[in-house]
C-alpha atoms as a PDB file:
ATOM      1  CA  UNK A   1     132.160  35.959 124.685  1.00  0.00           C
ATOM      2  CA  UNK A   2     130.010  38.556 122.907  1.00  0.00           C
ATOM      3  CA  UNK A   3     131.852  41.158 120.988  1.00  0.00           C
ATOM      4  CA  UNK A   4     131.753  44.624 122.427  1.00  0.00           C
ATOM      5  CA  UNK A   5     130.879  47.460 120.124  1.00  0.00           C
ATOM      6  CA  UNK A   6     132.799  50.619 120.497  1.00  0.00           C
ATOM      7  CA  UNK A   7     131.278  54.024 120.064  1.00  0.00           C
ATOM      8  CA  UNK A   8     132.752  56.062 117.281  1.00  0.00           C
ATOM      9  CA  UNK A   9     134.946  58.898 118.362  1.00  0.00           C
ATOM     10  CA  UNK A  10     133.233  62.275 118.567  1.00  0.00           C
ATOM     11  CA  UNK A  11     133.545  64.464 115.515  1.00  0.00           C
ATOM     12  CA  UNK A  12     136.343  66.993 115.648  1.00  0.00           C
ATOM     13  CA  UNK A  13     135.307  70.651 115.881  1.00  0.00           C
ATOM     14  CA  UNK A  14     134.908  72.415 112.558  1.00  0.00           C
ATOM     15  CA  UNK A  15     138.028  74.050 111.211  1.00  0.00           C
ATOM     16  CA  UNK A  16     138.407  77.772 111.780  1.00  0.00           C
ATOM     17  CA  UNK A  17     137.330  80.007 108.915  1.00  0.00           C
ATOM     18  CA  UNK A  18     139.984  80.517 106.267  1.00  0.00           C
ATOM     19  CA  UNK A  19     142.170  83.556 106.675  1.00  0.00           C
ATOM     20  CA  UNK A  20     143.398  85.654 103.868  1.00  0.00           C
ATOM     21  CA  UNK A  21     146.215  88.095 104.214  1.00  0.00           C
ATOM     22  CA  UNK A  22     146.664  91.180 102.165  1.00  0.00           C
ATOM     23  CA  UNK A  23     149.913  93.044 102.209  1.00  0.00           C
ATOM     24  CA  UNK A  24     150.099  96.770 101.812  1.00  0.00           C
ATOM     25  CA  UNK A  25     153.317  98.739 101.741  1.00  0.00           C
ATOM     26  CA  UNK A  26     152.897 100.085 105.265  1.00  0.00           C
ATOM     27  CA  UNK A  27     151.131  97.221 107.089  1.00  0.00           C
ATOM     28  CA  UNK A  28     149.779  93.713 106.817  1.00  0.00           C
ATOM     29  CA  UNK A  29     145.993  93.124 107.129  1.00  0.00           C
ATOM     30  CA  UNK A  30     144.251  89.877 107.988  1.00  0.00           C
ATOM     31  CA  UNK A  31     140.808  89.317 106.470  1.00  0.00           C
ATOM     32  CA  UNK A  32     138.528  86.693 107.977  1.00  0.00           C
ATOM     33  CA  UNK A  33     135.638  85.404 105.901  1.00  0.00           C
ATOM     34  CA  UNK A  34     132.459  84.450 107.718  1.00  0.00           C
ATOM     35  CA  UNK A  35     129.444  82.450 106.672  1.00  0.00           C
ATOM     36  CA  UNK A  36     126.067  84.126 107.118  1.00  0.00           C
ATOM     37  CA  UNK A  37     122.456  83.013 106.789  1.00  0.00           C
ATOM     38  CA  UNK A  38     119.199  84.872 107.251  1.00  0.00           C
ATOM     39  CA  UNK A  39     115.946  83.936 108.959  1.00  0.00           C
ATOM     40  CA  UNK A  40     112.638  85.750 108.729  1.00  0.00           C
ATOM     41  CA  UNK A  41     111.659  86.595 112.284  1.00  0.00           C
ATOM     42  CA  UNK A  42     108.241  85.194 113.189  1.00  0.00           C
ATOM     43  CA  UNK A  43     108.445  85.052 116.968  1.00  0.00           C
ATOM     44  CA  UNK A  44     110.020  83.116 119.780  1.00  0.00           C
ATOM     45  CA  UNK A  45     110.341  80.023 117.567  1.00  0.00           C
ATOM     46  CA  UNK A  46     112.861  81.897 115.425  1.00  0.00           C
ATOM     47  CA  UNK A  47     114.887  82.814 118.502  1.00  0.00           C
ATOM     48  CA  UNK A  48     114.912  79.163 119.601  1.00  0.00           C
ATOM     49  CA  UNK A  49     116.168  78.017 116.192  1.00  0.00           C
ATOM     50  CA  UNK A  50     118.861  80.689 115.946  1.00  0.00           C
ATOM     51  CA  UNK A  51     120.104  79.797 119.440  1.00  0.00           C
ATOM     52  CA  UNK A  52     120.937  76.332 118.098  1.00  0.00           C
ATOM     53  CA  UNK A  53     123.574  77.920 115.842  1.00  0.00           C
ATOM     54  CA  UNK A  54     125.204  79.858 118.685  1.00  0.00           C
ATOM     55  CA  UNK A  55     128.203  77.519 119.022  1.00  0.00           C
ATOM     56  CA  UNK A  56     128.909  77.282 115.293  1.00  0.00           C
ATOM     57  CA  UNK A  57     130.819  79.550 112.977  1.00  0.00           C
ATOM     58  CA  UNK A  58     127.614  80.372 111.148  1.00  0.00           C
ATOM     59  CA  UNK A  59     126.425  83.950 111.711  1.00  0.00           C
ATOM     60  CA  UNK A  60     122.677  84.616 111.834  1.00  0.00           C
ATOM     61  CA  UNK A  61     120.885  87.706 110.532  1.00  0.00           C
ATOM     62  CA  UNK A  62     117.194  88.210 111.220  1.00  0.00           C
ATOM     63  CA  UNK A  63     114.871  90.032 108.866  1.00  0.00           C
ATOM     64  CA  UNK A  64     111.260  91.116 109.010  1.00  0.00           C
ATOM     65  CA  UNK A  65     108.519  90.392 106.519  1.00  0.00           C
ATOM     66  CA  UNK A  66     107.279  93.979 107.022  1.00  0.00           C
ATOM     67  CA  UNK A  67     109.471  95.819 104.580  1.00  0.00           C
ATOM     68  CA  UNK A  68     108.945  99.450 103.636  1.00  0.00           C
ATOM     69  CA  UNK A  69     108.404  98.452 100.017  1.00  0.00           C
ATOM     70  CA  UNK A  70     105.719  95.945 100.981  1.00  0.00           C
ATOM     71  CA  UNK A  71     103.941  98.482 103.181  1.00  0.00           C
ATOM     72  CA  UNK A  72     104.059 101.166 100.478  1.00  0.00           C
ATOM     73  CA  UNK A  73     102.978  98.875  97.673  1.00  0.00           C
ATOM     74  CA  UNK A  74      99.855  97.494  99.355  1.00  0.00           C
ATOM     75  CA  UNK A  75      96.797  98.032  97.251  1.00  0.00           C
ATOM     76  CA  UNK A  76      93.966  99.718  99.047  1.00  0.00           C
ATOM     77  CA  UNK A  77      90.626  98.009  98.838  1.00  0.00           C
ATOM     78  CA  UNK A  78      88.221 100.021  96.771  1.00  0.00           C
ATOM     79  CA  UNK A  79      84.803 100.374  98.291  1.00  0.00           C
ATOM     80  CA  UNK A  80      82.421 100.502  95.376  1.00  0.00           C
ATOM     81  CA  UNK A  81      79.432 101.688  97.406  1.00  0.00           C
ATOM     82  CA  UNK A  82      80.072 105.012  99.134  1.00  0.00           C
ATOM     83  CA  UNK A  83      77.138 104.379 101.473  1.00  0.00           C
ATOM     84  CA  UNK A  84      78.808 101.235 102.838  1.00  0.00           C
ATOM     85  CA  UNK A  85      81.668 103.323 104.227  1.00  0.00           C
ATOM     86  CA  UNK A  86      82.003 104.839 107.665  1.00  0.00           C
ATOM     87  CA  UNK A  87      82.978 108.411 108.383  1.00  0.00           C
ATOM     88  CA  UNK A  88      81.399 111.860 108.408  1.00  0.00           C
ATOM     89  CA  UNK A  89      77.995 112.460 106.877  1.00  0.00           C
ATOM     90  CA  UNK A  90      75.573 115.347 106.427  1.00  0.00           C
ATOM     91  CA  UNK A  91      71.778 115.081 106.366  1.00  0.00           C
ATOM     92  CA  UNK A  92      69.693 118.077 105.361  1.00  0.00           C
ATOM     93  CA  UNK A  93      66.118 118.657 106.433  1.00  0.00           C
ATOM     94  CA  UNK A  94      64.012 118.699 103.242  1.00  0.00           C
ATOM     95  CA  UNK A  95      61.629 121.359 104.584  1.00  0.00           C
ATOM     96  CA  UNK A  96      63.862 124.001 106.207  1.00  0.00           C
ATOM     97  CA  UNK A  97      67.308 123.071 104.788  1.00  0.00           C
ATOM     98  CA  UNK A  98      68.926 122.856 108.236  1.00  0.00           C
ATOM     99  CA  UNK A  99      71.871 120.481 108.193  1.00  0.00           C
ATOM    100  CA  UNK A 100      72.737 117.729 110.631  1.00  0.00           C
ATOM    101  CA  UNK A 101      76.378 116.603 110.676  1.00  0.00           C
ATOM    102  CA  UNK A 102      77.226 113.211 112.087  1.00  0.00           C
ATOM    103  CA  UNK A 103      80.096 110.767 112.381  1.00  0.00           C
ATOM    104  CA  UNK A 104      79.861 106.988 112.446  1.00  0.00           C
ATOM    105  CA  UNK A 105      82.263 104.093 112.617  1.00  0.00           C
ATOM    106  CA  UNK A 106      79.715 101.840 110.957  1.00  0.00           C
ATOM    107  CA  UNK A 107      78.232 102.019 107.471  1.00  0.00           C
ATOM    108  CA  UNK A 108      76.237 105.093 106.573  1.00  0.00           C
ATOM    109  CA  UNK A 109      73.295 102.923 105.476  1.00  0.00           C
ATOM    110  CA  UNK A 110      73.007 101.425 108.958  1.00  0.00           C
ATOM    111  CA  UNK A 111      73.180 104.840 110.641  1.00  0.00           C
ATOM    112  CA  UNK A 112      70.666 106.342 108.164  1.00  0.00           C
ATOM    113  CA  UNK A 113      68.214 103.539 108.948  1.00  0.00           C
ATOM    114  CA  UNK A 114      68.601 104.290 112.671  1.00  0.00           C
ATOM    115  CA  UNK A 115      67.650 107.942 112.012  1.00  0.00           C
ATOM    116  CA  UNK A 116      64.680 106.783 109.904  1.00  0.00           C
ATOM    117  CA  UNK A 117      63.471 104.331 112.573  1.00  0.00           C
ATOM    118  CA  UNK A 118      63.780 107.017 115.266  1.00  0.00           C
ATOM    119  CA  UNK A 119      61.535 109.257 113.127  1.00  0.00           C
ATOM    120  CA  UNK A 120      58.985 106.489 112.495  1.00  0.00           C
ATOM    121  CA  UNK A 121      58.748 105.514 116.172  1.00  0.00           C
ATOM    122  CA  UNK A 122      58.656 109.110 117.455  1.00  0.00           C
ATOM    123  CA  UNK A 123      61.849 108.430 119.393  1.00  0.00           C
ATOM    124  CA  UNK A 124      64.259 111.148 120.434  1.00  0.00           C
ATOM    125  CA  UNK A 125      67.335 108.923 120.090  1.00  0.00           C
ATOM    126  CA  UNK A 126      68.380 110.841 116.956  1.00  0.00           C
ATOM    127  CA  UNK A 127      68.776 114.626 116.926  1.00  0.00           C
ATOM    128  CA  UNK A 128      67.896 114.674 113.228  1.00  0.00           C
ATOM    129  CA  UNK A 129      64.668 112.751 113.893  1.00  0.00           C
ATOM    130  CA  UNK A 130      63.989 114.944 116.936  1.00  0.00           C
ATOM    131  CA  UNK A 131      64.153 118.075 114.751  1.00  0.00           C
ATOM    132  CA  UNK A 132      61.799 116.566 112.178  1.00  0.00           C
ATOM    133  CA  UNK A 133      59.292 115.502 114.845  1.00  0.00           C
ATOM    134  CA  UNK A 134      59.328 118.785 116.786  1.00  0.00           C
ATOM    135  CA  UNK A 135      58.842 120.903 113.675  1.00  0.00           C
ATOM    136  CA  UNK A 136      56.465 118.431 111.943  1.00  0.00           C
ATOM    137  CA  UNK A 137      58.753 118.157 108.938  1.00  0.00           C
ATOM    138  CA  UNK A 138      58.831 115.214 106.542  1.00  0.00           C
ATOM    139  CA  UNK A 139      61.557 112.630 106.404  1.00  0.00           C
ATOM    140  CA  UNK A 140      63.722 112.546 103.299  1.00  0.00           C
END
């Protein structure tokens, strides 16, 4: 007859955390120590992993990688060419010194070339070019 293998008995539950007692003259206090670990939260995967520890005596603390120190200490990228930046700009008519103020989300070089092309093609798509054309002024 073949021998039957028996399954090992299930592991006993972990022992409760150790308790320490401290005695003061007026009362007795019980201090329970707990084990903690931390996880950096990255999304629902972190929640899934921490749920696995729910039935253990291990306590979970979540932290973020976006700390105030990290946000404050970020180095800003230096743009070496000021004409490659976006923002406010001012163009002045070389003949009558009237100023045109503009704002762009793209580089100034790209926007300047659009004004120049509008002047060359006699297009009224740029108010600066329109002024130059109407008053027969020269382009910068």
